[in-house]
Amino acid sequence: MRCSESWAARVADIGLVLLLSALGTYLWRGLGVLLSGRIAVNGEFFTWVTCVTYAMIAGLVMRIVVMPSGLLATSLTWHRLLACALGLAAYYAFRRNLLLAVTVGAGSLIVLNYLR
């Protein structure tokens, strides 16, 4: 952006970006609403999508635990693995409560790093 560009032009650019972003978002949401009644939830396609989703989440979690970047990379590997195990144990011990499991996992990693 040039310094000589007027304030009104900047606002117009921001407005155009917001309009196009909203259009893109609501276009796909609208198509989802229109097509949702025609897709079998228990069909093969959704089973495949569910499997791919779980695989992607598992891969991302393992990448964060085994090959972290940023500040998390300063923690020890066994700290991250232990925190993950404690979070998983809490998940199954407390009737699959995801919020509690994430809290236990993150809290244990914080405590382990603090004690180090």
PDB file of N, CA and C in Angstrom:
ATOM      1  N   MET A   1       0.830  -1.161   0.000  1.00  0.00           N
ATOM      2  CA  MET A   1       0.000   0.000   0.000  1.00  0.00           C
ATOM      3  C   MET A   1       0.884   1.237   0.000  1.00  0.00           C
ATOM      4  N   ARG A   2       0.605   2.139  -0.840  1.00  0.00           N
ATOM      5  CA  ARG A   2       1.391   3.372  -0.930  1.00  0.00           C
ATOM      6  C   ARG A   2       0.931   4.363   0.140  1.00  0.00           C
ATOM      7  N   CYS A   3       1.878   5.206   0.555  1.00  0.00           N
ATOM      8  CA  CYS A   3       1.558   6.213   1.567  1.00  0.00           C
ATOM      9  C   CYS A   3       0.574   7.245   1.043  1.00  0.00           C
ATOM     10  N   SER A   4       0.610   7.491  -0.267  1.00  0.00           N
ATOM     11  CA  SER A   4      -0.268   8.509  -0.831  1.00  0.00           C
ATOM     12  C   SER A   4      -1.687   8.006  -1.068  1.00  0.00           C
ATOM     13  N   GLU A   5      -1.903   6.725  -0.847  1.00  0.00           N
ATOM     14  CA  GLU A   5      -3.229   6.160  -1.071  1.00  0.00           C
ATOM     15  C   GLU A   5      -4.192   6.706  -0.013  1.00  0.00           C
ATOM     16  N   SER A   6      -5.368   7.042  -0.434  1.00  0.00           N
ATOM     17  CA  SER A   6      -6.313   7.688   0.480  1.00  0.00           C
ATOM     18  C   SER A   6      -6.936   6.682   1.449  1.00  0.00           C
ATOM     19  N   TRP A   7      -7.447   7.225   2.527  1.00  0.00           N
ATOM     20  CA  TRP A   7      -8.113   6.425   3.543  1.00  0.00           C
ATOM     21  C   TRP A   7      -9.331   5.727   2.973  1.00  0.00           C
ATOM     22  N   ALA A   8     -10.076   6.389   2.129  1.00  0.00           N
ATOM     23  CA  ALA A   8     -11.281   5.811   1.527  1.00  0.00           C
ATOM     24  C   ALA A   8     -10.935   4.621   0.645  1.00  0.00           C
ATOM     25  N   ALA A   9      -9.816   4.667  -0.059  1.00  0.00           N
ATOM     26  CA  ALA A   9      -9.406   3.542  -0.904  1.00  0.00           C
ATOM     27  C   ALA A   9      -9.032   2.340  -0.048  1.00  0.00           C
ATOM     28  N   ARG A  10      -8.397   2.582   1.087  1.00  0.00           N
ATOM     29  CA  ARG A  10      -8.044   1.489   1.992  1.00  0.00           C
ATOM     30  C   ARG A  10      -9.292   0.828   2.553  1.00  0.00           C
ATOM     31  N   VAL A  11     -10.251   1.635   2.961  1.00  0.00           N
ATOM     32  CA  VAL A  11     -11.502   1.104   3.496  1.00  0.00           C
ATOM     33  C   VAL A  11     -12.236   0.315   2.424  1.00  0.00           C
ATOM     34  N   ALA A  12     -12.223   0.803   1.189  1.00  0.00           N
ATOM     35  CA  ALA A  12     -12.876   0.100   0.083  1.00  0.00           C
ATOM     36  C   ALA A  12     -12.197  -1.235  -0.172  1.00  0.00           C
ATOM     37  N   ASP A  13     -10.856  -1.287  -0.104  1.00  0.00           N
ATOM     38  CA  ASP A  13     -10.134  -2.543  -0.286  1.00  0.00           C
ATOM     39  C   ASP A  13     -10.479  -3.548   0.808  1.00  0.00           C
ATOM     40  N   ILE A  14     -10.518  -3.074   2.041  1.00  0.00           N
ATOM     41  CA  ILE A  14     -10.860  -3.950   3.164  1.00  0.00           C
ATOM     42  C   ILE A  14     -12.298  -4.446   3.017  1.00  0.00           C
ATOM     43  N   GLY A  15     -13.191  -3.566   2.619  1.00  0.00           N
ATOM     44  CA  GLY A  15     -14.584  -3.962   2.408  1.00  0.00           C
ATOM     45  C   GLY A  15     -14.722  -5.004   1.308  1.00  0.00           C
ATOM     46  N   LEU A  16     -13.969  -4.855   0.238  1.00  0.00           N
ATOM     47  CA  LEU A  16     -14.003  -5.834  -0.852  1.00  0.00           C
ATOM     48  C   LEU A  16     -13.490  -7.189  -0.382  1.00  0.00           C
ATOM     49  N   VAL A  17     -12.420  -7.195   0.384  1.00  0.00           N
ATOM     50  CA  VAL A  17     -11.879  -8.448   0.914  1.00  0.00           C
ATOM     51  C   VAL A  17     -12.903  -9.113   1.834  1.00  0.00           C
ATOM     52  N   LEU A  18     -13.527  -8.346   2.704  1.00  0.00           N
ATOM     53  CA  LEU A  18     -14.546  -8.900   3.603  1.00  0.00           C
ATOM     54  C   LEU A  18     -15.743  -9.446   2.824  1.00  0.00           C
ATOM     55  N   LEU A  19     -16.175  -8.726   1.809  1.00  0.00           N
ATOM     56  CA  LEU A  19     -17.305  -9.164   0.995  1.00  0.00           C
ATOM     57  C   LEU A  19     -16.993 -10.470   0.271  1.00  0.00           C
ATOM     58  N   LEU A  20     -15.825 -10.561  -0.327  1.00  0.00           N
ATOM     59  CA  LEU A  20     -15.442 -11.780  -1.036  1.00  0.00           C
ATOM     60  C   LEU A  20     -15.259 -12.959  -0.072  1.00  0.00           C
ATOM     61  N   SER A  21     -14.721 -12.690   1.101  1.00  0.00           N
ATOM     62  CA  SER A  21     -14.565 -13.752   2.110  1.00  0.00           C
ATOM     63  C   SER A  21     -15.929 -14.263   2.566  1.00  0.00           C
ATOM     64  N   ALA A  22     -16.835 -13.355   2.843  1.00  0.00           N
ATOM     65  CA  ALA A  22     -18.184 -13.751   3.268  1.00  0.00           C
ATOM     66  C   ALA A  22     -18.892 -14.512   2.157  1.00  0.00           C
ATOM     67  N   LEU A  23     -18.744 -14.055   0.920  1.00  0.00           N
ATOM     68  CA  LEU A  23     -19.367 -14.743  -0.206  1.00  0.00           C
ATOM     69  C   LEU A  23     -18.848 -16.168  -0.332  1.00  0.00           C
ATOM     70  N   GLY A  24     -17.531 -16.325  -0.232  1.00  0.00           N
ATOM     71  CA  GLY A  24     -16.953 -17.662  -0.310  1.00  0.00           C
ATOM     72  C   GLY A  24     -17.419 -18.561   0.819  1.00  0.00           C
ATOM     73  N   THR A  25     -17.484 -18.023   2.010  1.00  0.00           N
ATOM     74  CA  THR A  25     -17.914 -18.818   3.164  1.00  0.00           C
ATOM     75  C   THR A  25     -19.374 -19.224   3.038  1.00  0.00           C
ATOM     76  N   TYR A  26     -20.238 -18.265   2.777  1.00  0.00           N
ATOM     77  CA  TYR A  26     -21.668 -18.556   2.752  1.00  0.00           C
ATOM     78  C   TYR A  26     -22.093 -19.323   1.509  1.00  0.00           C
ATOM     79  N   LEU A  27     -21.329 -19.234   0.431  1.00  0.00           N
ATOM     80  CA  LEU A  27     -21.625 -20.037  -0.753  1.00  0.00           C
ATOM     81  C   LEU A  27     -21.500 -21.521  -0.431  1.00  0.00           C
ATOM     82  N   TRP A  28     -20.391 -21.901   0.217  1.00  0.00           N
ATOM     83  CA  TRP A  28     -20.199 -23.309   0.559  1.00  0.00           C
ATOM     84  C   TRP A  28     -21.171 -23.764   1.641  1.00  0.00           C
ATOM     85  N   ARG A  29     -21.489 -22.898   2.573  1.00  0.00           N
ATOM     86  CA  ARG A  29     -22.479 -23.261   3.592  1.00  0.00           C
ATOM     87  C   ARG A  29     -23.855 -23.468   2.968  1.00  0.00           C
ATOM     88  N   GLY A  30     -24.224 -22.602   2.053  1.00  0.00           N
ATOM     89  CA  GLY A  30     -25.505 -22.749   1.367  1.00  0.00           C
ATOM     90  C   GLY A  30     -25.571 -24.027   0.551  1.00  0.00           C
ATOM     91  N   LEU A  31     -24.503 -24.341  -0.162  1.00  0.00           N
ATOM     92  CA  LEU A  31     -24.474 -25.602  -0.905  1.00  0.00           C
ATOM     93  C   LEU A  31     -24.573 -26.790   0.034  1.00  0.00           C
ATOM     94  N   GLY A  32     -23.949 -26.694   1.187  1.00  0.00           N
ATOM     95  CA  GLY A  32     -24.045 -27.770   2.181  1.00  0.00           C
ATOM     96  C   GLY A  32     -25.469 -27.969   2.664  1.00  0.00           C
ATOM     97  N   VAL A  33     -26.163 -26.879   2.899  1.00  0.00           N
ATOM     98  CA  VAL A  33     -27.559 -26.974   3.337  1.00  0.00           C
ATOM     99  C   VAL A  33     -28.425 -27.576   2.233  1.00  0.00           C
ATOM    100  N   LEU A  34     -28.203 -27.151   0.996  1.00  0.00           N
ATOM    101  CA  LEU A  34     -28.994 -27.685  -0.114  1.00  0.00           C
ATOM    102  C   LEU A  34     -28.745 -29.171  -0.358  1.00  0.00           C
ATOM    103  N   LEU A  35     -27.512 -29.600  -0.204  1.00  0.00           N
ATOM    104  CA  LEU A  35     -27.172 -30.991  -0.497  1.00  0.00           C
ATOM    105  C   LEU A  35     -27.306 -31.919   0.705  1.00  0.00           C
ATOM    106  N   SER A  36     -27.463 -31.383   1.892  1.00  0.00           N
ATOM    107  CA  SER A  36     -27.467 -32.216   3.095  1.00  0.00           C
ATOM    108  C   SER A  36     -28.618 -33.207   3.129  1.00  0.00           C
ATOM    109  N   GLY A  37     -29.730 -32.863   2.568  1.00  0.00           N
ATOM    110  CA  GLY A  37     -30.869 -33.789   2.567  1.00  0.00           C
ATOM    111  C   GLY A  37     -30.724 -34.923   1.582  1.00  0.00           C
ATOM    112  N   ARG A  38     -29.812 -34.813   0.637  1.00  0.00           N
ATOM    113  CA  ARG A  38     -29.651 -35.817  -0.406  1.00  0.00           C
ATOM    114  C   ARG A  38     -28.520 -36.788  -0.142  1.00  0.00           C
ATOM    115  N   ILE A  39     -27.753 -36.571   0.921  1.00  0.00           N
ATOM    116  CA  ILE A  39     -26.590 -37.412   1.199  1.00  0.00           C
ATOM    117  C   ILE A  39     -26.915 -38.347   2.360  1.00  0.00           C
ATOM    118  N   ALA A  40     -26.612 -39.635   2.165  1.00  0.00           N
ATOM    119  CA  ALA A  40     -26.835 -40.637   3.208  1.00  0.00           C
ATOM    120  C   ALA A  40     -25.706 -40.538   4.240  1.00  0.00           C
ATOM    121  N   VAL A  41     -26.058 -40.234   5.476  1.00  0.00           N
ATOM    122  CA  VAL A  41     -25.067 -40.054   6.527  1.00  0.00           C
ATOM    123  C   VAL A  41     -24.348 -41.359   6.848  1.00  0.00           C
ATOM    124  N   ASN A  42     -25.030 -42.477   6.745  1.00  0.00           N
ATOM    125  CA  ASN A  42     -24.429 -43.771   7.051  1.00  0.00           C
ATOM    126  C   ASN A  42     -23.859 -44.439   5.802  1.00  0.00           C
ATOM    127  N   GLY A  43     -23.740 -43.713   4.724  1.00  0.00           N
ATOM    128  CA  GLY A  43     -23.255 -44.283   3.480  1.00  0.00           C
ATOM    129  C   GLY A  43     -21.747 -44.448   3.456  1.00  0.00           C
ATOM    130  N   GLU A  44     -21.263 -45.020   2.364  1.00  0.00           N
ATOM    131  CA  GLU A  44     -19.833 -45.286   2.218  1.00  0.00           C
ATOM    132  C   GLU A  44     -19.006 -44.000   2.149  1.00  0.00           C
ATOM    133  N   PHE A  45     -19.562 -42.963   1.520  1.00  0.00           N
ATOM    134  CA  PHE A  45     -18.819 -41.720   1.392  1.00  0.00           C
ATOM    135  C   PHE A  45     -18.518 -41.113   2.752  1.00  0.00           C
ATOM    136  N   PHE A  46     -19.522 -41.038   3.643  1.00  0.00           N
ATOM    137  CA  PHE A  46     -19.294 -40.455   4.956  1.00  0.00           C
ATOM    138  C   PHE A  46     -18.421 -41.340   5.827  1.00  0.00           C
ATOM    139  N   THR A  47     -18.493 -42.641   5.634  1.00  0.00           N
ATOM    140  CA  THR A  47     -17.589 -43.536   6.353  1.00  0.00           C
ATOM    141  C   THR A  47     -16.149 -43.248   5.943  1.00  0.00           C
ATOM    142  N   TRP A  48     -15.921 -43.052   4.637  1.00  0.00           N
ATOM    143  CA  TRP A  48     -14.586 -42.728   4.140  1.00  0.00           C
ATOM    144  C   TRP A  48     -14.127 -41.378   4.673  1.00  0.00           C
ATOM    145  N   VAL A  49     -15.004 -40.375   4.643  1.00  0.00           N
ATOM    146  CA  VAL A  49     -14.644 -39.045   5.140  1.00  0.00           C
ATOM    147  C   VAL A  49     -14.295 -39.109   6.623  1.00  0.00           C
ATOM    148  N   THR A  50     -15.048 -39.882   7.395  1.00  0.00           N
ATOM    149  CA  THR A  50     -14.769 -40.031   8.820  1.00  0.00           C
ATOM    150  C   THR A  50     -13.400 -40.664   9.043  1.00  0.00           C
ATOM    151  N   CYS A  51     -13.088 -41.697   8.288  1.00  0.00           N
ATOM    152  CA  CYS A  51     -11.785 -42.355   8.417  1.00  0.00           C
ATOM    153  C   CYS A  51     -10.641 -41.415   8.055  1.00  0.00           C
ATOM    154  N   VAL A  52     -10.809 -40.661   6.980  1.00  0.00           N
ATOM    155  CA  VAL A  52      -9.766 -39.705   6.569  1.00  0.00           C
ATOM    156  C   VAL A  52      -9.598 -38.620   7.626  1.00  0.00           C
ATOM    157  N   THR A  53     -10.699 -38.161   8.204  1.00  0.00           N
ATOM    158  CA  THR A  53     -10.637 -37.132   9.241  1.00  0.00           C
ATOM    159  C   THR A  53      -9.883 -37.620  10.465  1.00  0.00           C
ATOM    160  N   TYR A  54     -10.211 -38.821  10.929  1.00  0.00           N
ATOM    161  CA  TYR A  54      -9.509 -39.372  12.089  1.00  0.00           C
ATOM    162  C   TYR A  54      -8.027 -39.574  11.795  1.00  0.00           C
ATOM    163  N   ALA A  55      -7.702 -40.017  10.586  1.00  0.00           N
ATOM    164  CA  ALA A  55      -6.303 -40.218  10.216  1.00  0.00           C
ATOM    165  C   ALA A  55      -5.542 -38.896  10.202  1.00  0.00           C
ATOM    166  N   MET A  56      -6.176 -37.849   9.697  1.00  0.00           N
ATOM    167  CA  MET A  56      -5.519 -36.535   9.668  1.00  0.00           C
ATOM    168  C   MET A  56      -5.293 -36.007  11.077  1.00  0.00           C
ATOM    169  N   ILE A  57      -6.277 -36.153  11.941  1.00  0.00           N
ATOM    170  CA  ILE A  57      -6.132 -35.679  13.325  1.00  0.00           C
ATOM    171  C   ILE A  57      -5.039 -36.464  14.040  1.00  0.00           C
ATOM    172  N   ALA A  58      -5.022 -37.790  13.857  1.00  0.00           N
ATOM    173  CA  ALA A  58      -3.984 -38.613  14.489  1.00  0.00           C
ATOM    174  C   ALA A  58      -2.601 -38.220  13.980  1.00  0.00           C
ATOM    175  N   GLY A  59      -2.487 -37.970  12.685  1.00  0.00           N
ATOM    176  CA  GLY A  59      -1.207 -37.558  12.125  1.00  0.00           C
ATOM    177  C   GLY A  59      -0.746 -36.216  12.657  1.00  0.00           C
ATOM    178  N   LEU A  60      -1.665 -35.269  12.776  1.00  0.00           N
ATOM    179  CA  LEU A  60      -1.310 -33.951  13.308  1.00  0.00           C
ATOM    180  C   LEU A  60      -0.908 -34.020  14.771  1.00  0.00           C
ATOM    181  N   VAL A  61      -1.621 -34.813  15.555  1.00  0.00           N
ATOM    182  CA  VAL A  61      -1.269 -34.954  16.971  1.00  0.00           C
ATOM    183  C   VAL A  61       0.105 -35.594  17.107  1.00  0.00           C
ATOM    184  N   MET A  62       0.378 -36.628  16.323  1.00  0.00           N
ATOM    185  CA  MET A  62       1.677 -37.281  16.415  1.00  0.00           C
ATOM    186  C   MET A  62       2.793 -36.350  15.941  1.00  0.00           C
ATOM    187  N   ARG A  63       2.508 -35.532  14.954  1.00  0.00           N
ATOM    188  CA  ARG A  63       3.527 -34.567  14.504  1.00  0.00           C
ATOM    189  C   ARG A  63       3.819 -33.566  15.603  1.00  0.00           C
ATOM    190  N   ILE A  64       2.796 -33.116  16.302  1.00  0.00           N
ATOM    191  CA  ILE A  64       2.998 -32.178  17.403  1.00  0.00           C
ATOM    192  C   ILE A  64       3.771 -32.832  18.539  1.00  0.00           C
ATOM    193  N   VAL A  65       3.480 -34.099  18.832  1.00  0.00           N
ATOM    194  CA  VAL A  65       4.127 -34.777  19.954  1.00  0.00           C
ATOM    195  C   VAL A  65       5.558 -35.185  19.604  1.00  0.00           C
ATOM    196  N   VAL A  66       5.775 -35.741  18.412  1.00  0.00           N
ATOM    197  CA  VAL A  66       7.077 -36.295  18.059  1.00  0.00           C
ATOM    198  C   VAL A  66       8.005 -35.265  17.416  1.00  0.00           C
ATOM    199  N   MET A  67       7.465 -34.407  16.553  1.00  0.00           N
ATOM    200  CA  MET A  67       8.290 -33.414  15.852  1.00  0.00           C
ATOM    201  C   MET A  67       7.710 -32.009  16.016  1.00  0.00           C
ATOM    202  N   PRO A  68       7.719 -31.468  17.223  1.00  0.00           N
ATOM    203  CA  PRO A  68       7.110 -30.151  17.443  1.00  0.00           C
ATOM    204  C   PRO A  68       7.968 -29.024  16.882  1.00  0.00           C
ATOM    205  N   SER A  69       7.355 -27.885  16.761  1.00  0.00           N
ATOM    206  CA  SER A  69       8.088 -26.699  16.339  1.00  0.00           C
ATOM    207  C   SER A  69       7.807 -25.582  17.333  1.00  0.00           C
ATOM    208  N   GLY A  70       8.622 -24.546  17.284  1.00  0.00           N
ATOM    209  CA  GLY A  70       8.417 -23.409  18.162  1.00  0.00           C
ATOM    210  C   GLY A  70       8.774 -23.705  19.604  1.00  0.00           C
ATOM    211  N   LEU A  71       8.033 -23.115  20.503  1.00  0.00           N
ATOM    212  CA  LEU A  71       8.307 -23.242  21.926  1.00  0.00           C
ATOM    213  C   LEU A  71       8.122 -24.672  22.427  1.00  0.00           C
ATOM    214  N   LEU A  72       7.201 -25.400  21.830  1.00  0.00           N
ATOM    215  CA  LEU A  72       6.964 -26.784  22.244  1.00  0.00           C
ATOM    216  C   LEU A  72       8.188 -27.664  21.993  1.00  0.00           C
ATOM    217  N   ALA A  73       9.018 -27.300  21.024  1.00  0.00           N
ATOM    218  CA  ALA A  73      10.218 -28.078  20.716  1.00  0.00           C
ATOM    219  C   ALA A  73      11.245 -28.013  21.844  1.00  0.00           C
ATOM    220  N   THR A  74      11.118 -27.043  22.745  1.00  0.00           N
ATOM    221  CA  THR A  74      12.059 -26.948  23.863  1.00  0.00           C
ATOM    222  C   THR A  74      11.737 -27.938  24.976  1.00  0.00           C
ATOM    223  N   SER A  75      10.561 -28.530  24.955  1.00  0.00           N
ATOM    224  CA  SER A  75      10.214 -29.522  25.980  1.00  0.00           C
ATOM    225  C   SER A  75      10.802 -30.881  25.595  1.00  0.00           C
ATOM    226  N   LEU A  76      10.984 -31.717  26.583  1.00  0.00           N
ATOM    227  CA  LEU A  76      11.543 -33.048  26.348  1.00  0.00           C
ATOM    228  C   LEU A  76      10.493 -33.951  25.698  1.00  0.00           C
ATOM    229  N   THR A  77      10.974 -34.878  24.887  1.00  0.00           N
ATOM    230  CA  THR A  77      10.061 -35.783  24.183  1.00  0.00           C
ATOM    231  C   THR A  77       9.260 -36.628  25.168  1.00  0.00           C
ATOM    232  N   TRP A  78       9.919 -37.134  26.198  1.00  0.00           N
ATOM    233  CA  TRP A  78       9.185 -37.992  27.136  1.00  0.00           C
ATOM    234  C   TRP A  78       8.161 -37.188  27.935  1.00  0.00           C
ATOM    235  N   HIS A  79       8.368 -35.903  28.109  1.00  0.00           N
ATOM    236  CA  HIS A  79       7.350 -35.046  28.754  1.00  0.00           C
ATOM    237  C   HIS A  79       6.098 -34.980  27.879  1.00  0.00           C
ATOM    238  N   ARG A  80       6.299 -34.768  26.586  1.00  0.00           N
ATOM    239  CA  ARG A  80       5.160 -34.691  25.662  1.00  0.00           C
ATOM    240  C   ARG A  80       4.434 -36.024  25.577  1.00  0.00           C
ATOM    241  N   LEU A  81       5.190 -37.127  25.536  1.00  0.00           N
ATOM    242  CA  LEU A  81       4.567 -38.455  25.468  1.00  0.00           C
ATOM    243  C   LEU A  81       3.805 -38.774  26.758  1.00  0.00           C
ATOM    244  N   LEU A  82       4.383 -38.431  27.898  1.00  0.00           N
ATOM    245  CA  LEU A  82       3.705 -38.666  29.173  1.00  0.00           C
ATOM    246  C   LEU A  82       2.444 -37.816  29.291  1.00  0.00           C
ATOM    247  N   ALA A  83       2.506 -36.562  28.881  1.00  0.00           N
ATOM    248  CA  ALA A  83       1.324 -35.695  28.923  1.00  0.00           C
ATOM    249  C   ALA A  83       0.234 -36.233  28.007  1.00  0.00           C
ATOM    250  N   CYS A  84       0.620 -36.729  26.850  1.00  0.00           N
ATOM    251  CA  CYS A  84      -0.348 -37.325  25.925  1.00  0.00           C
ATOM    252  C   CYS A  84      -0.988 -38.573  26.541  1.00  0.00           C
ATOM    253  N   ALA A  85      -0.183 -39.401  27.178  1.00  0.00           N
ATOM    254  CA  ALA A  85      -0.700 -40.614  27.823  1.00  0.00           C
ATOM    255  C   ALA A  85      -1.631 -40.275  28.981  1.00  0.00           C
ATOM    256  N   LEU A  86      -1.264 -39.277  29.770  1.00  0.00           N
ATOM    257  CA  LEU A  86      -2.124 -38.867  30.883  1.00  0.00           C
ATOM    258  C   LEU A  86      -3.447 -38.285  30.383  1.00  0.00           C
ATOM    259  N   GLY A  87      -3.387 -37.510  29.323  1.00  0.00           N
ATOM    260  CA  GLY A  87      -4.616 -36.982  28.734  1.00  0.00           C
ATOM    261  C   GLY A  87      -5.505 -38.087  28.193  1.00  0.00           C
ATOM    262  N   LEU A  88      -4.903 -39.078  27.553  1.00  0.00           N
ATOM    263  CA  LEU A  88      -5.668 -40.218  27.035  1.00  0.00           C
ATOM    264  C   LEU A  88      -6.276 -41.040  28.171  1.00  0.00           C
ATOM    265  N   ALA A  89      -5.511 -41.237  29.234  1.00  0.00           N
ATOM    266  CA  ALA A  89      -6.033 -41.965  30.394  1.00  0.00           C
ATOM    267  C   ALA A  89      -7.203 -41.215  31.033  1.00  0.00           C
ATOM    268  N   ALA A  90      -7.079 -39.895  31.133  1.00  0.00           N
ATOM    269  CA  ALA A  90      -8.170 -39.095  31.696  1.00  0.00           C
ATOM    270  C   ALA A  90      -9.404 -39.165  30.806  1.00  0.00           C
ATOM    271  N   TYR A  91      -9.198 -39.201  29.503  1.00  0.00           N
ATOM    272  CA  TYR A  91     -10.314 -39.283  28.560  1.00  0.00           C
ATOM    273  C   TYR A  91     -11.146 -40.545  28.810  1.00  0.00           C
ATOM    274  N   TYR A  92     -10.472 -41.666  28.972  1.00  0.00           N
ATOM    275  CA  TYR A  92     -11.211 -42.920  29.196  1.00  0.00           C
ATOM    276  C   TYR A  92     -11.670 -43.087  30.642  1.00  0.00           C
ATOM    277  N   ALA A  93     -10.936 -42.494  31.590  1.00  0.00           N
ATOM    278  CA  ALA A  93     -11.316 -42.636  32.996  1.00  0.00           C
ATOM    279  C   ALA A  93     -12.549 -41.815  33.346  1.00  0.00           C
ATOM    280  N   PHE A  94     -12.757 -40.713  32.663  1.00  0.00           N
ATOM    281  CA  PHE A  94     -13.868 -39.820  32.981  1.00  0.00           C
ATOM    282  C   PHE A  94     -14.913 -39.778  31.876  1.00  0.00           C
ATOM    283  N   ARG A  95     -15.339 -40.944  31.433  1.00  0.00           N
ATOM    284  CA  ARG A  95     -16.450 -41.106  30.479  1.00  0.00           C
ATOM    285  C   ARG A  95     -16.281 -40.309  29.197  1.00  0.00           C
ATOM    286  N   ARG A  96     -15.089 -40.347  28.656  1.00  0.00           N
ATOM    287  CA  ARG A  96     -14.773 -39.707  27.374  1.00  0.00           C
ATOM    288  C   ARG A  96     -15.060 -38.199  27.381  1.00  0.00           C
ATOM    289  N   ASN A  97     -14.644 -37.560  28.437  1.00  0.00           N
ATOM    290  CA  ASN A  97     -14.784 -36.114  28.582  1.00  0.00           C
ATOM    291  C   ASN A  97     -13.572 -35.441  27.921  1.00  0.00           C
ATOM    292  N   LEU A  98     -13.772 -34.884  26.745  1.00  0.00           N
ATOM    293  CA  LEU A  98     -12.677 -34.319  25.973  1.00  0.00           C
ATOM    294  C   LEU A  98     -12.075 -33.082  26.629  1.00  0.00           C
ATOM    295  N   LEU A  99     -12.903 -32.223  27.186  1.00  0.00           N
ATOM    296  CA  LEU A  99     -12.398 -31.019  27.838  1.00  0.00           C
ATOM    297  C   LEU A  99     -11.482 -31.366  29.001  1.00  0.00           C
ATOM    298  N   LEU A 100     -11.893 -32.326  29.811  1.00  0.00           N
ATOM    299  CA  LEU A 100     -11.075 -32.741  30.949  1.00  0.00           C
ATOM    300  C   LEU A 100      -9.777 -33.384  30.468  1.00  0.00           C
ATOM    301  N   ALA A 101      -9.851 -34.182  29.413  1.00  0.00           N
ATOM    302  CA  ALA A 101      -8.652 -34.845  28.888  1.00  0.00           C
ATOM    303  C   ALA A 101      -7.639 -33.835  28.362  1.00  0.00           C
ATOM    304  N   VAL A 102      -8.107 -32.844  27.639  1.00  0.00           N
ATOM    305  CA  VAL A 102      -7.202 -31.808  27.120  1.00  0.00           C
ATOM    306  C   VAL A 102      -6.611 -31.006  28.271  1.00  0.00           C
ATOM    307  N   THR A 103      -7.421 -30.717  29.273  1.00  0.00           N
ATOM    308  CA  THR A 103      -6.934 -29.978  30.443  1.00  0.00           C
ATOM    309  C   THR A 103      -5.863 -30.765  31.187  1.00  0.00           C
ATOM    310  N   VAL A 104      -6.095 -32.063  31.384  1.00  0.00           N
ATOM    311  CA  VAL A 104      -5.108 -32.906  32.072  1.00  0.00           C
ATOM    312  C   VAL A 104      -3.825 -32.998  31.253  1.00  0.00           C
ATOM    313  N   GLY A 105      -3.943 -33.224  29.959  1.00  0.00           N
ATOM    314  CA  GLY A 105      -2.758 -33.330  29.111  1.00  0.00           C
ATOM    315  C   GLY A 105      -1.948 -32.050  29.081  1.00  0.00           C
ATOM    316  N   ALA A 106      -2.608 -30.927  28.842  1.00  0.00           N
ATOM    317  CA  ALA A 106      -1.900 -29.647  28.791  1.00  0.00           C
ATOM    318  C   ALA A 106      -1.347 -29.271  30.164  1.00  0.00           C
ATOM    319  N   GLY A 107      -2.145 -29.485  31.193  1.00  0.00           N
ATOM    320  CA  GLY A 107      -1.691 -29.167  32.546  1.00  0.00           C
ATOM    321  C   GLY A 107      -0.491 -29.993  32.970  1.00  0.00           C
ATOM    322  N   SER A 108      -0.515 -31.278  32.628  1.00  0.00           N
ATOM    323  CA  SER A 108       0.623 -32.122  32.997  1.00  0.00           C
ATOM    324  C   SER A 108       1.878 -31.717  32.232  1.00  0.00           C
ATOM    325  N   LEU A 109       1.746 -31.312  30.980  1.00  0.00           N
ATOM    326  CA  LEU A 109       2.915 -30.849  30.231  1.00  0.00           C
ATOM    327  C   LEU A 109       3.467 -29.561  30.835  1.00  0.00           C
ATOM    328  N   ILE A 110       2.593 -28.685  31.250  1.00  0.00           N
ATOM    329  CA  ILE A 110       3.040 -27.444  31.885  1.00  0.00           C
ATOM    330  C   ILE A 110       3.771 -27.736  33.188  1.00  0.00           C
ATOM    331  N   VAL A 111       3.212 -28.634  34.005  1.00  0.00           N
ATOM    332  CA  VAL A 111       3.839 -28.975  35.288  1.00  0.00           C
ATOM    333  C   VAL A 111       5.183 -29.660  35.063  1.00  0.00           C
ATOM    334  N   LEU A 112       5.248 -30.595  34.122  1.00  0.00           N
ATOM    335  CA  LEU A 112       6.514 -31.297  33.854  1.00  0.00           C
ATOM    336  C   LEU A 112       7.593 -30.326  33.384  1.00  0.00           C
ATOM    337  N   ASN A 113       7.220 -29.395  32.517  1.00  0.00           N
ATOM    338  CA  ASN A 113       8.209 -28.427  32.053  1.00  0.00           C
ATOM    339  C   ASN A 113       8.601 -27.452  33.152  1.00  0.00           C
ATOM    340  N   TYR A 114       7.677 -27.121  34.025  1.00  0.00           N
ATOM    341  CA  TYR A 114       8.002 -26.224  35.140  1.00  0.00           C
ATOM    342  C   TYR A 114       8.973 -26.908  36.104  1.00  0.00           C
ATOM    343  N   LEU A 115       8.754 -28.194  36.377  1.00  0.00           N
ATOM    344  CA  LEU A 115       9.617 -28.920  37.310  1.00  0.00           C
ATOM    345  C   LEU A 115      11.005 -29.156  36.733  1.00  0.00           C
ATOM    346  N   ARG A 116      11.116 -29.137  35.429  1.00  0.00           N
ATOM    347  CA  ARG A 116      12.432 -29.336  34.804  1.00  0.00           C
ATOM    348  C   ARG A 116      13.222 -28.072  34.996  1.00  0.00           C
TER     349      ARG A 116
END
